[in-house]
Amino acid sequence: MIRNPGHLPRGAANKRVRVILANGNPAGPWAADGNGACRWSRTGSPFDIDYYEVIA
């Protein structure tokens, strides 16, 4: 898994991602961008994306 850079990662556009949240819980697959997609900003919330992997 790759650390979230705080913005939509290069190579994730128009893809789906699996993530680990800052609280340690796995989640996904989610759309990386577009309507209803991930929020990549890091706010200090336990629901921020901490790590991700592109899956499709």
PDB file of N, CA and C in Angstrom:
ATOM      1  N   MET A   1       0.845  -1.175   0.000  1.00  0.00           N
ATOM      2  CA  MET A   1       0.000   0.000   0.000  1.00  0.00           C
ATOM      3  C   MET A   1       0.894   1.244   0.000  1.00  0.00           C
ATOM      4  N   ILE A   2       0.347   2.298  -0.528  1.00  0.00           N
ATOM      5  CA  ILE A   2       1.088   3.549  -0.690  1.00  0.00           C
ATOM      6  C   ILE A   2       0.461   4.608   0.213  1.00  0.00           C
ATOM      7  N   ARG A   3       1.286   5.422   0.828  1.00  0.00           N
ATOM      8  CA  ARG A   3       0.810   6.492   1.720  1.00  0.00           C
ATOM      9  C   ARG A   3       0.042   7.539   0.917  1.00  0.00           C
ATOM     10  N   ASN A   4      -1.077   8.011   1.447  1.00  0.00           N
ATOM     11  CA  ASN A   4      -1.896   9.038   0.813  1.00  0.00           C
ATOM     12  C   ASN A   4      -1.115  10.354   0.781  1.00  0.00           C
ATOM     13  N   PRO A   5      -0.943  10.959  -0.413  1.00  0.00           N
ATOM     14  CA  PRO A   5      -0.208  12.221  -0.506  1.00  0.00           C
ATOM     15  C   PRO A   5      -1.034  13.446  -0.118  1.00  0.00           C
ATOM     16  N   GLY A   6      -2.329  13.277   0.143  1.00  0.00           N
ATOM     17  CA  GLY A   6      -3.170  14.412   0.508  1.00  0.00           C
ATOM     18  C   GLY A   6      -3.902  15.019  -0.672  1.00  0.00           C
ATOM     19  N   HIS A   7      -3.775  14.405  -1.839  1.00  0.00           N
ATOM     20  CA  HIS A   7      -4.478  14.827  -3.055  1.00  0.00           C
ATOM     21  C   HIS A   7      -4.633  13.594  -3.938  1.00  0.00           C
ATOM     22  N   LEU A   8      -5.456  13.683  -4.968  1.00  0.00           N
ATOM     23  CA  LEU A   8      -5.648  12.551  -5.866  1.00  0.00           C
ATOM     24  C   LEU A   8      -4.300  12.105  -6.415  1.00  0.00           C
ATOM     25  N   PRO A   9      -3.892  10.878  -6.135  1.00  0.00           N
ATOM     26  CA  PRO A   9      -2.592  10.405  -6.590  1.00  0.00           C
ATOM     27  C   PRO A   9      -2.537  10.210  -8.106  1.00  0.00           C
ATOM     28  N   ARG A  10      -1.381  10.456  -8.665  1.00  0.00           N
ATOM     29  CA  ARG A  10      -1.150  10.179 -10.066  1.00  0.00           C
ATOM     30  C   ARG A  10      -1.359   8.683 -10.285  1.00  0.00           C
ATOM     31  N   GLY A  11      -2.039   8.318 -11.325  1.00  0.00           N
ATOM     32  CA  GLY A  11      -2.289   6.923 -11.615  1.00  0.00           C
ATOM     33  C   GLY A  11      -3.579   6.389 -11.019  1.00  0.00           C
ATOM     34  N   ALA A  12      -4.250   7.180 -10.178  1.00  0.00           N
ATOM     35  CA  ALA A  12      -5.501   6.722  -9.577  1.00  0.00           C
ATOM     36  C   ALA A  12      -6.734   7.305 -10.274  1.00  0.00           C
ATOM     37  N   ALA A  13      -6.545   8.294 -11.119  1.00  0.00           N
ATOM     38  CA  ALA A  13      -7.674   8.923 -11.807  1.00  0.00           C
ATOM     39  C   ALA A  13      -8.452   7.886 -12.609  1.00  0.00           C
ATOM     40  N   ASN A  14      -9.769   7.952 -12.497  1.00  0.00           N
ATOM     41  CA  ASN A  14     -10.686   7.041 -13.195  1.00  0.00           C
ATOM     42  C   ASN A  14     -10.498   5.580 -12.800  1.00  0.00           C
ATOM     43  N   LYS A  15      -9.984   5.334 -11.613  1.00  0.00           N
ATOM     44  CA  LYS A  15      -9.747   3.971 -11.119  1.00  0.00           C
ATOM     45  C   LYS A  15     -10.512   3.761  -9.817  1.00  0.00           C
ATOM     46  N   ARG A  16     -10.460   2.543  -9.315  1.00  0.00           N
ATOM     47  CA  ARG A  16     -11.014   2.200  -8.007  1.00  0.00           C
ATOM     48  C   ARG A  16      -9.846   1.884  -7.082  1.00  0.00           C
ATOM     49  N   VAL A  17     -10.028   2.206  -5.813  1.00  0.00           N
ATOM     50  CA  VAL A  17      -8.965   2.012  -4.836  1.00  0.00           C
ATOM     51  C   VAL A  17      -9.487   1.298  -3.597  1.00  0.00           C
ATOM     52  N   ARG A  18      -8.605   0.550  -2.974  1.00  0.00           N
ATOM     53  CA  ARG A  18      -8.821  -0.006  -1.645  1.00  0.00           C
ATOM     54  C   ARG A  18      -7.976   0.834  -0.706  1.00  0.00           C
ATOM     55  N   VAL A  19      -8.477   1.115   0.487  1.00  0.00           N
ATOM     56  CA  VAL A  19      -7.775   2.033   1.387  1.00  0.00           C
ATOM     57  C   VAL A  19      -7.702   1.476   2.801  1.00  0.00           C
ATOM     58  N   ILE A  20      -6.784   2.036   3.566  1.00  0.00           N
ATOM     59  CA  ILE A  20      -6.761   1.872   5.014  1.00  0.00           C
ATOM     60  C   ILE A  20      -6.932   3.271   5.588  1.00  0.00           C
ATOM     61  N   LEU A  21      -7.944   3.414   6.435  1.00  0.00           N
ATOM     62  CA  LEU A  21      -8.229   4.710   7.034  1.00  0.00           C
ATOM     63  C   LEU A  21      -7.249   5.001   8.168  1.00  0.00           C
ATOM     64  N   ALA A  22      -7.193   6.253   8.589  1.00  0.00           N
ATOM     65  CA  ALA A  22      -6.300   6.656   9.680  1.00  0.00           C
ATOM     66  C   ALA A  22      -6.617   5.910  10.969  1.00  0.00           C
ATOM     67  N   ASN A  23      -7.865   5.452  11.136  1.00  0.00           N
ATOM     68  CA  ASN A  23      -8.224   4.694  12.338  1.00  0.00           C
ATOM     69  C   ASN A  23      -7.817   3.226  12.240  1.00  0.00           C
ATOM     70  N   GLY A  24      -7.186   2.841  11.114  1.00  0.00           N
ATOM     71  CA  GLY A  24      -6.688   1.480  10.932  1.00  0.00           C
ATOM     72  C   GLY A  24      -7.639   0.540  10.224  1.00  0.00           C
ATOM     73  N   ASN A  25      -8.867   0.970   9.975  1.00  0.00           N
ATOM     74  CA  ASN A  25      -9.842   0.111   9.315  1.00  0.00           C
ATOM     75  C   ASN A  25      -9.652   0.088   7.809  1.00  0.00           C
ATOM     76  N   PRO A  26      -9.734  -1.093   7.189  1.00  0.00           N
ATOM     77  CA  PRO A  26      -9.709  -1.179   5.729  1.00  0.00           C
ATOM     78  C   PRO A  26     -11.065  -0.771   5.166  1.00  0.00           C
ATOM     79  N   ALA A  27     -11.089  -0.269   3.945  1.00  0.00           N
ATOM     80  CA  ALA A  27     -12.335   0.130   3.297  1.00  0.00           C
ATOM     81  C   ALA A  27     -12.173   0.044   1.787  1.00  0.00           C
ATOM     82  N   GLY A  28     -13.298   0.032   1.097  1.00  0.00           N
ATOM     83  CA  GLY A  28     -13.280   0.031  -0.356  1.00  0.00           C
ATOM     84  C   GLY A  28     -13.704  -1.316  -0.897  1.00  0.00           C
ATOM     85  N   PRO A  29     -13.761  -1.479  -2.183  1.00  0.00           N
ATOM     86  CA  PRO A  29     -13.219  -0.545  -3.166  1.00  0.00           C
ATOM     87  C   PRO A  29     -14.107   0.688  -3.366  1.00  0.00           C
ATOM     88  N   TRP A  30     -13.457   1.809  -3.565  1.00  0.00           N
ATOM     89  CA  TRP A  30     -14.106   3.092  -3.807  1.00  0.00           C
ATOM     90  C   TRP A  30     -13.589   3.684  -5.110  1.00  0.00           C
ATOM     91  N   ALA A  31     -14.411   4.550  -5.710  1.00  0.00           N
ATOM     92  CA  ALA A  31     -13.954   5.335  -6.855  1.00  0.00           C
ATOM     93  C   ALA A  31     -12.942   6.364  -6.351  1.00  0.00           C
ATOM     94  N   ALA A  32     -11.826   6.489  -7.042  1.00  0.00           N
ATOM     95  CA  ALA A  32     -10.785   7.433  -6.620  1.00  0.00           C
ATOM     96  C   ALA A  32     -11.161   8.879  -6.922  1.00  0.00           C
ATOM     97  N   ASP A  33     -11.963   9.085  -7.971  1.00  0.00           N
ATOM     98  CA  ASP A  33     -12.379  10.443  -8.323  1.00  0.00           C
ATOM     99  C   ASP A  33     -13.758  10.377  -8.959  1.00  0.00           C
ATOM    100  N   GLY A  34     -14.355  11.557  -9.166  1.00  0.00           N
ATOM    101  CA  GLY A  34     -15.687  11.623  -9.752  1.00  0.00           C
ATOM    102  C   GLY A  34     -16.763  11.729  -8.680  1.00  0.00           C
ATOM    103  N   ASN A  35     -18.002  11.563  -9.097  1.00  0.00           N
ATOM    104  CA  ASN A  35     -19.146  11.699  -8.210  1.00  0.00           C
ATOM    105  C   ASN A  35     -19.147  10.599  -7.148  1.00  0.00           C
ATOM    106  N   GLY A  36     -19.226  10.979  -5.886  1.00  0.00           N
ATOM    107  CA  GLY A  36     -19.250  10.017  -4.798  1.00  0.00           C
ATOM    108  C   GLY A  36     -17.911   9.369  -4.504  1.00  0.00           C
ATOM    109  N   ALA A  37     -16.844  10.017  -4.882  1.00  0.00           N
ATOM    110  CA  ALA A  37     -15.504   9.436  -4.763  1.00  0.00           C
ATOM    111  C   ALA A  37     -14.850   9.740  -3.419  1.00  0.00           C
ATOM    112  N   CYS A  38     -13.646   9.258  -3.275  1.00  0.00           N
ATOM    113  CA  CYS A  38     -12.837   9.455  -2.070  1.00  0.00           C
ATOM    114  C   CYS A  38     -12.537  10.930  -1.828  1.00  0.00           C
ATOM    115  N   ARG A  39     -12.324  11.267  -0.568  1.00  0.00           N
ATOM    116  CA  ARG A  39     -11.794  12.580  -0.199  1.00  0.00           C
ATOM    117  C   ARG A  39     -10.336  12.347   0.161  1.00  0.00           C
ATOM    118  N   TRP A  40      -9.436  12.895  -0.605  1.00  0.00           N
ATOM    119  CA  TRP A  40      -8.006  12.644  -0.435  1.00  0.00           C
ATOM    120  C   TRP A  40      -7.330  13.596   0.537  1.00  0.00           C
ATOM    121  N   SER A  41      -7.970  14.719   0.874  1.00  0.00           N
ATOM    122  CA  SER A  41      -7.333  15.672   1.786  1.00  0.00           C
ATOM    123  C   SER A  41      -7.150  15.039   3.160  1.00  0.00           C
ATOM    124  N   ARG A  42      -6.104  15.472   3.843  1.00  0.00           N
ATOM    125  CA  ARG A  42      -5.810  14.968   5.189  1.00  0.00           C
ATOM    126  C   ARG A  42      -6.224  16.043   6.183  1.00  0.00           C
ATOM    127  N   THR A  43      -7.231  15.731   7.009  1.00  0.00           N
ATOM    128  CA  THR A  43      -7.804  16.723   7.916  1.00  0.00           C
ATOM    129  C   THR A  43      -7.527  16.427   9.381  1.00  0.00           C
ATOM    130  N   GLY A  44      -6.955  15.253   9.663  1.00  0.00           N
ATOM    131  CA  GLY A  44      -6.766  14.839  11.045  1.00  0.00           C
ATOM    132  C   GLY A  44      -7.899  13.954  11.536  1.00  0.00           C
ATOM    133  N   SER A  45      -8.870  13.711  10.677  1.00  0.00           N
ATOM    134  CA  SER A  45     -10.008  12.855  11.020  1.00  0.00           C
ATOM    135  C   SER A  45      -9.570  11.389  11.041  1.00  0.00           C
ATOM    136  N   PRO A  46     -10.166  10.568  11.903  1.00  0.00           N
ATOM    137  CA  PRO A  46      -9.873   9.139  11.883  1.00  0.00           C
ATOM    138  C   PRO A  46     -10.384   8.469  10.604  1.00  0.00           C
ATOM    139  N   PHE A  47     -11.173   9.194   9.808  1.00  0.00           N
ATOM    140  CA  PHE A  47     -11.699   8.652   8.561  1.00  0.00           C
ATOM    141  C   PHE A  47     -10.925   9.132   7.336  1.00  0.00           C
ATOM    142  N   ASP A  48      -9.819   9.837   7.537  1.00  0.00           N
ATOM    143  CA  ASP A  48      -8.931  10.184   6.423  1.00  0.00           C
ATOM    144  C   ASP A  48      -8.328   8.914   5.842  1.00  0.00           C
ATOM    145  N   ILE A  49      -8.053   8.937   4.552  1.00  0.00           N
ATOM    146  CA  ILE A  49      -7.341   7.834   3.929  1.00  0.00           C
ATOM    147  C   ILE A  49      -5.878   7.939   4.340  1.00  0.00           C
ATOM    148  N   ASP A  50      -5.336   6.881   4.903  1.00  0.00           N
ATOM    149  CA  ASP A  50      -3.922   6.851   5.297  1.00  0.00           C
ATOM    150  C   ASP A  50      -3.080   6.172   4.220  1.00  0.00           C
ATOM    151  N   TYR A  51      -3.557   5.023   3.728  1.00  0.00           N
ATOM    152  CA  TYR A  51      -2.863   4.263   2.685  1.00  0.00           C
ATOM    153  C   TYR A  51      -3.875   3.841   1.635  1.00  0.00           C
ATOM    154  N   TYR A  52      -3.405   3.623   0.407  1.00  0.00           N
ATOM    155  CA  TYR A  52      -4.289   3.198  -0.680  1.00  0.00           C
ATOM    156  C   TYR A  52      -3.553   2.261  -1.624  1.00  0.00           C
ATOM    157  N   GLU A  53      -4.342   1.522  -2.410  1.00  0.00           N
ATOM    158  CA  GLU A  53      -3.799   0.774  -3.537  1.00  0.00           C
ATOM    159  C   GLU A  53      -4.815   0.826  -4.649  1.00  0.00           C
ATOM    160  N   VAL A  54      -4.339   1.054  -5.875  1.00  0.00           N
ATOM    161  CA  VAL A  54      -5.200   1.072  -7.058  1.00  0.00           C
ATOM    162  C   VAL A  54      -5.492  -0.374  -7.422  1.00  0.00           C
ATOM    163  N   ILE A  55      -6.783  -0.685  -7.632  1.00  0.00           N
ATOM    164  CA  ILE A  55      -7.134  -2.071  -7.948  1.00  0.00           C
ATOM    165  C   ILE A  55      -7.763  -2.240  -9.322  1.00  0.00           C
ATOM    166  N   ALA A  56      -8.297  -1.217  -9.922  1.00  0.00           N
ATOM    167  CA  ALA A  56      -8.894  -1.364 -11.260  1.00  0.00           C
ATOM    168  C   ALA A  56      -9.054   0.001 -11.915  1.00  0.00           C
TER     169      ALA A  56
END
